[in-house]
Amino acid sequence: MHPKGTLAWDVGQVPDAKIKEDGSEAVEQDILKATRRLSTQLAALGHPIDSIDFVAMSHYHADHTANANAFAKSTWIVQQAEYDMMFKDGDVGIRSPETYKDLKDARRITLNGADHDVFGDGTVVVKTAPGHTPGHQILFLKLAHFGPLLLAGDLYHLPEERTLDRVPTFDFDAAITRATRVKVEQFLKDSGAQMWIQHDPPTYAALKKAPEYYD
């Protein structure tokens, strides 16, 4: 949330339509799980989906795009390389085009391997971070009270990858991932930002959940 608008980052791994309101667990593809709808959580924060100004996703994999169609009225911030892969003909792994098809012709800010300062004051910056996918990106936030924070998308999946130099076999280009990681680690040192690895269970377990928030 920013005085000039709102941005939603990554939009779930299970579509809201498949999640019941009774708190029971919905499971997709045997491994993607959720008990709470994204729309319900955003509404609890006072920002229903229809009011969100911008949407950005770290990448096109199915566990990050589940509710993308709901943001078709928002302005989509996406790397050209990612857009091309999302709507490429033929089979592309870990992709669920039906979850984001409504974004194809939506308003968008298309980036070509560049960072984007969403509100123009350095507090919300979508940063290019290719490797995991061709147009993978991460999100830097400069929060007034919490301080600088980096949401890492799938640059890493587990903290051990930072020291063991492990790259998932399904990354688009392992060499590019490694080069991006070097740049990001330097950025963390320069900015003093804390990094949240979005797939790391202990990190997730310790975080506040909506309607709680960080500011």
C-alpha atoms as a PDB file:
ATOM      1  CA  MET A   1       0.000   0.000   0.000  1.00  0.00           C
ATOM      2  CA  HIS A   2       1.369   3.395  -1.036  1.00  0.00           C
ATOM      3  CA  PRO A   3      -0.148   6.886  -1.029  1.00  0.00           C
ATOM      4  CA  LYS A   4      -0.140   6.738  -4.834  1.00  0.00           C
ATOM      5  CA  GLY A   5      -1.746   3.319  -5.146  1.00  0.00           C
ATOM      6  CA  THR A   6      -1.596  -0.382  -4.382  1.00  0.00           C
ATOM      7  CA  LEU A   7       0.435  -3.270  -5.769  1.00  0.00           C
ATOM      8  CA  ALA A   8      -0.300  -6.990  -5.444  1.00  0.00           C
ATOM      9  CA  TRP A   9       2.750  -9.278  -5.648  1.00  0.00           C
ATOM     10  CA  ASP A  10       2.334 -12.954  -6.624  1.00  0.00           C
ATOM     11  CA  VAL A  11      -1.261 -14.099  -6.535  1.00  0.00           C
ATOM     12  CA  GLY A  12      -1.529 -17.525  -4.985  1.00  0.00           C
ATOM     13  CA  GLN A  13      -0.988 -21.181  -5.798  1.00  0.00           C
ATOM     14  CA  VAL A  14      -4.615 -22.354  -5.606  1.00  0.00           C
ATOM     15  CA  PRO A  15      -7.432 -20.444  -7.357  1.00  0.00           C
ATOM     16  CA  ASP A  16      -9.919 -18.872  -4.960  1.00  0.00           C
ATOM     17  CA  ALA A  17     -12.769 -20.672  -6.721  1.00  0.00           C
ATOM     18  CA  LYS A  18     -11.345 -23.984  -5.448  1.00  0.00           C
ATOM     19  CA  ILE A  19     -10.958 -22.852  -1.821  1.00  0.00           C
ATOM     20  CA  LYS A  20     -13.892 -23.247   0.539  1.00  0.00           C
ATOM     21  CA  GLU A  21     -14.667 -20.583   3.128  1.00  0.00           C
ATOM     22  CA  ASP A  22     -14.825 -23.131   5.958  1.00  0.00           C
ATOM     23  CA  GLY A  23     -11.057 -23.282   6.406  1.00  0.00           C
ATOM     24  CA  SER A  24     -10.638 -26.745   4.926  1.00  0.00           C
ATOM     25  CA  GLU A  25      -7.541 -27.347   2.855  1.00  0.00           C
ATOM     26  CA  ALA A  26      -7.714 -27.198  -0.932  1.00  0.00           C
ATOM     27  CA  VAL A  27      -5.036 -29.141  -2.802  1.00  0.00           C
ATOM     28  CA  GLU A  28      -3.928 -28.764  -6.418  1.00  0.00           C
ATOM     29  CA  GLN A  29      -1.493 -31.082  -8.220  1.00  0.00           C
ATOM     30  CA  ASP A  30      -0.998 -32.945  -4.909  1.00  0.00           C
ATOM     31  CA  ILE A  31       1.430 -30.310  -3.579  1.00  0.00           C
ATOM     32  CA  LEU A  32      -0.185 -26.847  -3.912  1.00  0.00           C
ATOM     33  CA  LYS A  33      -2.265 -26.125  -0.832  1.00  0.00           C
ATOM     34  CA  ALA A  34      -4.340 -23.284   0.602  1.00  0.00           C
ATOM     35  CA  THR A  35      -6.994 -22.753   3.255  1.00  0.00           C
ATOM     36  CA  ARG A  36      -7.786 -19.041   2.731  1.00  0.00           C
ATOM     37  CA  ARG A  37      -8.882 -17.167  -0.353  1.00  0.00           C
ATOM     38  CA  LEU A  38      -6.689 -14.323  -1.571  1.00  0.00           C
ATOM     39  CA  SER A  39      -9.774 -12.198  -2.253  1.00  0.00           C
ATOM     40  CA  THR A  40     -10.931 -12.617   1.346  1.00  0.00           C
ATOM     41  CA  GLN A  41      -7.538 -11.643   2.732  1.00  0.00           C
ATOM     42  CA  LEU A  42      -7.267  -8.530   0.568  1.00  0.00           C
ATOM     43  CA  ALA A  43     -10.798  -7.480   1.487  1.00  0.00           C
ATOM     44  CA  ALA A  44      -9.908  -7.863   5.180  1.00  0.00           C
ATOM     45  CA  LEU A  45      -7.072  -5.394   4.607  1.00  0.00           C
ATOM     46  CA  GLY A  46      -9.506  -2.916   3.067  1.00  0.00           C
ATOM     47  CA  HIS A  47      -8.185  -3.435  -0.461  1.00  0.00           C
ATOM     48  CA  PRO A  48     -10.500  -5.700  -2.480  1.00  0.00           C
ATOM     49  CA  ILE A  49      -9.077  -7.064  -5.716  1.00  0.00           C
ATOM     50  CA  ASP A  50     -11.026  -4.629  -7.888  1.00  0.00           C
ATOM     51  CA  SER A  51      -9.273  -1.731  -6.161  1.00  0.00           C
ATOM     52  CA  ILE A  52      -5.704  -2.925  -6.750  1.00  0.00           C
ATOM     53  CA  ASP A  53      -3.859  -0.562  -9.102  1.00  0.00           C
ATOM     54  CA  PHE A  54      -0.878  -2.723 -10.069  1.00  0.00           C
ATOM     55  CA  VAL A  55      -0.138  -6.435 -10.139  1.00  0.00           C
ATOM     56  CA  ALA A  56       3.260  -8.088 -10.595  1.00  0.00           C
ATOM     57  CA  MET A  57       4.328 -11.699 -10.345  1.00  0.00           C
ATOM     58  CA  SER A  58       7.805 -13.013  -9.818  1.00  0.00           C
ATOM     59  CA  HIS A  59       7.280 -15.462 -12.693  1.00  0.00           C
ATOM     60  CA  TYR A  60       4.766 -17.510 -14.619  1.00  0.00           C
ATOM     61  CA  HIS A  61       4.934 -20.833 -12.714  1.00  0.00           C
ATOM     62  CA  ALA A  62       1.544 -22.138 -11.653  1.00  0.00           C
ATOM     63  CA  ASP A  63       2.167 -21.742  -7.927  1.00  0.00           C
ATOM     64  CA  HIS A  64       2.421 -17.954  -8.377  1.00  0.00           C
ATOM     65  CA  THR A  65      -0.372 -17.210 -10.873  1.00  0.00           C
ATOM     66  CA  ALA A  66      -3.482 -18.922  -9.474  1.00  0.00           C
ATOM     67  CA  ASN A  67      -5.632 -15.782  -9.224  1.00  0.00           C
ATOM     68  CA  ALA A  68      -4.044 -13.666 -11.945  1.00  0.00           C
ATOM     69  CA  ASN A  69      -7.232 -13.412 -14.002  1.00  0.00           C
ATOM     70  CA  ALA A  70      -8.912 -11.561 -11.145  1.00  0.00           C
ATOM     71  CA  PHE A  71      -6.453  -8.678 -11.653  1.00  0.00           C
ATOM     72  CA  ALA A  72      -7.287  -8.036 -15.306  1.00  0.00           C
ATOM     73  CA  LYS A  73      -8.401  -4.478 -14.434  1.00  0.00           C
ATOM     74  CA  SER A  74      -5.065  -3.700 -12.763  1.00  0.00           C
ATOM     75  CA  THR A  75      -1.932  -2.583 -14.597  1.00  0.00           C
ATOM     76  CA  TRP A  76       0.347  -5.577 -15.008  1.00  0.00           C
ATOM     77  CA  ILE A  77       4.119  -5.115 -14.565  1.00  0.00           C
ATOM     78  CA  VAL A  78       5.939  -7.827 -16.500  1.00  0.00           C
ATOM     79  CA  GLN A  79       9.221  -8.479 -18.272  1.00  0.00           C
ATOM     80  CA  GLN A  80       8.877  -8.932 -22.048  1.00  0.00           C
ATOM     81  CA  ALA A  81      10.780 -12.233 -21.886  1.00  0.00           C
ATOM     82  CA  GLU A  82       8.300 -13.534 -19.320  1.00  0.00           C
ATOM     83  CA  TYR A  83       5.267 -12.363 -21.281  1.00  0.00           C
ATOM     84  CA  ASP A  84       6.593 -14.119 -24.371  1.00  0.00           C
ATOM     85  CA  MET A  85       7.063 -17.388 -22.466  1.00  0.00           C
ATOM     86  CA  MET A  86       3.634 -17.152 -20.831  1.00  0.00           C
ATOM     87  CA  PHE A  87       1.832 -16.912 -24.158  1.00  0.00           C
ATOM     88  CA  LYS A  88       4.167 -19.054 -26.237  1.00  0.00           C
ATOM     89  CA  ASP A  89       2.493 -21.792 -28.280  1.00  0.00           C
ATOM     90  CA  GLY A  90       3.166 -25.384 -27.350  1.00  0.00           C
ATOM     91  CA  ASP A  91       3.985 -27.108 -24.096  1.00  0.00           C
ATOM     92  CA  VAL A  92       5.821 -25.119 -21.447  1.00  0.00           C
ATOM     93  CA  GLY A  93       6.512 -26.754 -18.088  1.00  0.00           C
ATOM     94  CA  ILE A  94       4.992 -25.634 -14.783  1.00  0.00           C
ATOM     95  CA  ARG A  95       2.606 -23.332 -16.645  1.00  0.00           C
ATOM     96  CA  SER A  96      -1.168 -22.932 -16.214  1.00  0.00           C
ATOM     97  CA  PRO A  97      -2.229 -20.430 -18.899  1.00  0.00           C
ATOM     98  CA  GLU A  98      -5.871 -20.670 -17.900  1.00  0.00           C
ATOM     99  CA  THR A  99      -5.021 -18.876 -14.635  1.00  0.00           C
ATOM    100  CA  TYR A 100      -3.633 -15.769 -16.365  1.00  0.00           C
ATOM    101  CA  LYS A 101      -5.237 -15.731 -19.842  1.00  0.00           C
ATOM    102  CA  ASP A 102      -7.210 -12.548 -19.043  1.00  0.00           C
ATOM    103  CA  LEU A 103      -3.972 -10.600 -18.621  1.00  0.00           C
ATOM    104  CA  LYS A 104      -2.907 -11.071 -22.233  1.00  0.00           C
ATOM    105  CA  ASP A 105      -4.538  -7.849 -23.402  1.00  0.00           C
ATOM    106  CA  ALA A 106      -4.700  -6.064 -20.039  1.00  0.00           C
ATOM    107  CA  ARG A 107      -3.017  -2.730 -19.405  1.00  0.00           C
ATOM    108  CA  ARG A 108       0.619  -3.427 -18.719  1.00  0.00           C
ATOM    109  CA  ILE A 109       4.029  -1.955 -18.129  1.00  0.00           C
ATOM    110  CA  THR A 110       6.395  -4.090 -20.188  1.00  0.00           C
ATOM    111  CA  LEU A 111      10.032  -4.162 -19.112  1.00  0.00           C
ATOM    112  CA  ASN A 112      13.043  -5.278 -21.113  1.00  0.00           C
ATOM    113  CA  GLY A 113      15.439  -6.603 -18.485  1.00  0.00           C
ATOM    114  CA  ALA A 114      15.015  -3.430 -16.446  1.00  0.00           C
ATOM    115  CA  ASP A 115      13.974  -2.503 -12.930  1.00  0.00           C
ATOM    116  CA  HIS A 116      10.822  -0.458 -12.386  1.00  0.00           C
ATOM    117  CA  ASP A 117      10.225   2.063  -9.586  1.00  0.00           C
ATOM    118  CA  VAL A 118       6.467   1.625  -9.264  1.00  0.00           C
ATOM    119  CA  PHE A 119       5.619   4.858  -7.445  1.00  0.00           C
ATOM    120  CA  GLY A 120       8.701   6.888  -8.320  1.00  0.00           C
ATOM    121  CA  ASP A 121      10.160   7.287  -4.829  1.00  0.00           C
ATOM    122  CA  GLY A 122      12.248   4.133  -4.411  1.00  0.00           C
ATOM    123  CA  THR A 123       9.939   2.487  -1.886  1.00  0.00           C
ATOM    124  CA  VAL A 124       8.454  -0.148  -4.221  1.00  0.00           C
ATOM    125  CA  VAL A 125      10.781  -1.423  -6.935  1.00  0.00           C
ATOM    126  CA  VAL A 126      10.239  -4.405  -9.218  1.00  0.00           C
ATOM    127  CA  LYS A 127      13.740  -5.678  -9.982  1.00  0.00           C
ATOM    128  CA  THR A 128      14.790  -7.880 -12.859  1.00  0.00           C
ATOM    129  CA  ALA A 129      16.248 -11.210 -11.681  1.00  0.00           C
ATOM    130  CA  PRO A 130      16.318 -13.694 -14.581  1.00  0.00           C
ATOM    131  CA  GLY A 131      17.409 -17.297 -14.496  1.00  0.00           C
ATOM    132  CA  HIS A 132      14.661 -19.251 -12.791  1.00  0.00           C
ATOM    133  CA  THR A 133      12.530 -18.192 -15.761  1.00  0.00           C
ATOM    134  CA  PRO A 134      13.517 -15.876 -18.637  1.00  0.00           C
ATOM    135  CA  GLY A 135      11.859 -12.838 -17.084  1.00  0.00           C
ATOM    136  CA  HIS A 136      11.871 -13.687 -13.390  1.00  0.00           C
ATOM    137  CA  GLN A 137      11.707 -10.644 -11.106  1.00  0.00           C
ATOM    138  CA  ILE A 138      11.872  -9.808  -7.401  1.00  0.00           C
ATOM    139  CA  LEU A 139      10.352  -7.033  -5.290  1.00  0.00           C
ATOM    140  CA  PHE A 140      12.192  -4.506  -3.133  1.00  0.00           C
ATOM    141  CA  LEU A 141      10.245  -2.601  -0.487  1.00  0.00           C
ATOM    142  CA  LYS A 142      11.442   0.221   1.711  1.00  0.00           C
ATOM    143  CA  LEU A 143       8.965   0.097   4.593  1.00  0.00           C
ATOM    144  CA  ALA A 144       8.810   3.046   6.978  1.00  0.00           C
ATOM    145  CA  HIS A 145       8.917   1.017  10.206  1.00  0.00           C
ATOM    146  CA  PHE A 146      10.068  -2.467   9.231  1.00  0.00           C
ATOM    147  CA  GLY A 147      12.860  -1.208   6.984  1.00  0.00           C
ATOM    148  CA  PRO A 148      14.146  -2.506   3.627  1.00  0.00           C
ATOM    149  CA  LEU A 149      12.776  -5.861   2.519  1.00  0.00           C
ATOM    150  CA  LEU A 150      13.362  -8.020  -0.548  1.00  0.00           C
ATOM    151  CA  LEU A 151      10.770 -10.584  -1.655  1.00  0.00           C
ATOM    152  CA  ALA A 152      12.871 -13.100  -3.554  1.00  0.00           C
ATOM    153  CA  GLY A 153      10.315 -14.878  -5.703  1.00  0.00           C
ATOM    154  CA  ASP A 154      11.997 -18.150  -6.685  1.00  0.00           C
ATOM    155  CA  LEU A 155      15.543 -16.821  -6.894  1.00  0.00           C
ATOM    156  CA  TYR A 156      16.069 -19.193  -3.968  1.00  0.00           C
ATOM    157  CA  HIS A 157      13.753 -21.883  -2.637  1.00  0.00           C
ATOM    158  CA  LEU A 158      15.646 -22.695   0.574  1.00  0.00           C
ATOM    159  CA  PRO A 159      18.312 -20.809   2.559  1.00  0.00           C
ATOM    160  CA  GLU A 160      20.823 -23.622   1.979  1.00  0.00           C
ATOM    161  CA  GLU A 161      20.992 -22.682  -1.691  1.00  0.00           C
ATOM    162  CA  ARG A 162      22.761 -19.458  -0.735  1.00  0.00           C
ATOM    163  CA  THR A 163      25.797 -21.281   0.681  1.00  0.00           C
ATOM    164  CA  LEU A 164      25.763 -24.550  -1.263  1.00  0.00           C
ATOM    165  CA  ASP A 165      25.371 -22.895  -4.667  1.00  0.00           C
ATOM    166  CA  ARG A 166      22.543 -25.236  -5.615  1.00  0.00           C
ATOM    167  CA  VAL A 167      20.189 -24.361  -8.476  1.00  0.00           C
ATOM    168  CA  PRO A 168      16.953 -26.296  -9.127  1.00  0.00           C
ATOM    169  CA  THR A 169      17.085 -28.568 -12.165  1.00  0.00           C
ATOM    170  CA  PHE A 170      13.982 -26.869 -13.558  1.00  0.00           C
ATOM    171  CA  ASP A 171      15.513 -23.382 -13.729  1.00  0.00           C
ATOM    172  CA  PHE A 172      15.451 -21.917 -17.233  1.00  0.00           C
ATOM    173  CA  ASP A 173      19.194 -21.153 -17.159  1.00  0.00           C
ATOM    174  CA  ALA A 174      21.333 -22.119 -14.159  1.00  0.00           C
ATOM    175  CA  ALA A 175      24.249 -19.910 -15.211  1.00  0.00           C
ATOM    176  CA  ILE A 176      21.999 -16.863 -15.403  1.00  0.00           C
ATOM    177  CA  THR A 177      20.472 -17.762 -12.038  1.00  0.00           C
ATOM    178  CA  ARG A 178      23.930 -17.852 -10.467  1.00  0.00           C
ATOM    179  CA  ALA A 179      24.873 -14.506 -12.019  1.00  0.00           C
ATOM    180  CA  THR A 180      21.641 -12.964 -10.756  1.00  0.00           C
ATOM    181  CA  ARG A 181      22.238 -14.346  -7.267  1.00  0.00           C
ATOM    182  CA  VAL A 182      25.656 -12.663  -7.143  1.00  0.00           C
ATOM    183  CA  LYS A 183      24.079  -9.318  -8.044  1.00  0.00           C
ATOM    184  CA  VAL A 184      21.256  -9.751  -5.537  1.00  0.00           C
ATOM    185  CA  GLU A 185      23.593 -10.715  -2.699  1.00  0.00           C
ATOM    186  CA  GLN A 186      25.549  -7.529  -3.369  1.00  0.00           C
ATOM    187  CA  PHE A 187      22.313  -5.552  -3.433  1.00  0.00           C
ATOM    188  CA  LEU A 188      21.381  -6.988  -0.035  1.00  0.00           C
ATOM    189  CA  LYS A 189      24.716  -5.831   1.385  1.00  0.00           C
ATOM    190  CA  ASP A 190      24.410  -2.379  -0.157  1.00  0.00           C
ATOM    191  CA  SER A 191      20.784  -1.809   0.842  1.00  0.00           C
ATOM    192  CA  GLY A 192      20.813  -3.570   4.217  1.00  0.00           C
ATOM    193  CA  ALA A 193      17.599  -5.307   3.202  1.00  0.00           C
ATOM    194  CA  GLN A 194      16.245  -8.453   4.797  1.00  0.00           C
ATOM    195  CA  MET A 195      15.338 -11.120   2.240  1.00  0.00           C
ATOM    196  CA  TRP A 196      12.301 -13.362   2.503  1.00  0.00           C
ATOM    197  CA  ILE A 197      12.658 -16.639   0.589  1.00  0.00           C
ATOM    198  CA  GLN A 198       9.051 -17.173  -0.401  1.00  0.00           C
ATOM    199  CA  HIS A 199       9.160 -20.991  -0.513  1.00  0.00           C
ATOM    200  CA  ASP A 200      10.984 -21.477   2.794  1.00  0.00           C
ATOM    201  CA  PRO A 201       8.497 -22.960   5.327  1.00  0.00           C
ATOM    202  CA  PRO A 202      10.188 -21.589   8.491  1.00  0.00           C
ATOM    203  CA  THR A 203      10.247 -18.100   6.986  1.00  0.00           C
ATOM    204  CA  TYR A 204       6.571 -18.304   6.081  1.00  0.00           C
ATOM    205  CA  ALA A 205       5.529 -19.747   9.445  1.00  0.00           C
ATOM    206  CA  ALA A 206       7.023 -16.828  11.344  1.00  0.00           C
ATOM    207  CA  LEU A 207       5.405 -14.087   9.271  1.00  0.00           C
ATOM    208  CA  LYS A 208       2.281 -12.105  10.040  1.00  0.00           C
ATOM    209  CA  LYS A 209      -0.776 -13.141   8.053  1.00  0.00           C
ATOM    210  CA  ALA A 210      -3.590 -10.908   6.798  1.00  0.00           C
ATOM    211  CA  PRO A 211      -5.305  -8.960   8.223  1.00  0.00           C
ATOM    212  CA  GLU A 212      -2.012  -8.299  10.082  1.00  0.00           C
ATOM    213  CA  TYR A 213       0.579  -6.490   8.010  1.00  0.00           C
ATOM    214  CA  TYR A 214       4.039  -4.949   7.888  1.00  0.00           C
ATOM    215  CA  ASP A 215       4.518  -1.207   7.407  1.00  0.00           C
END
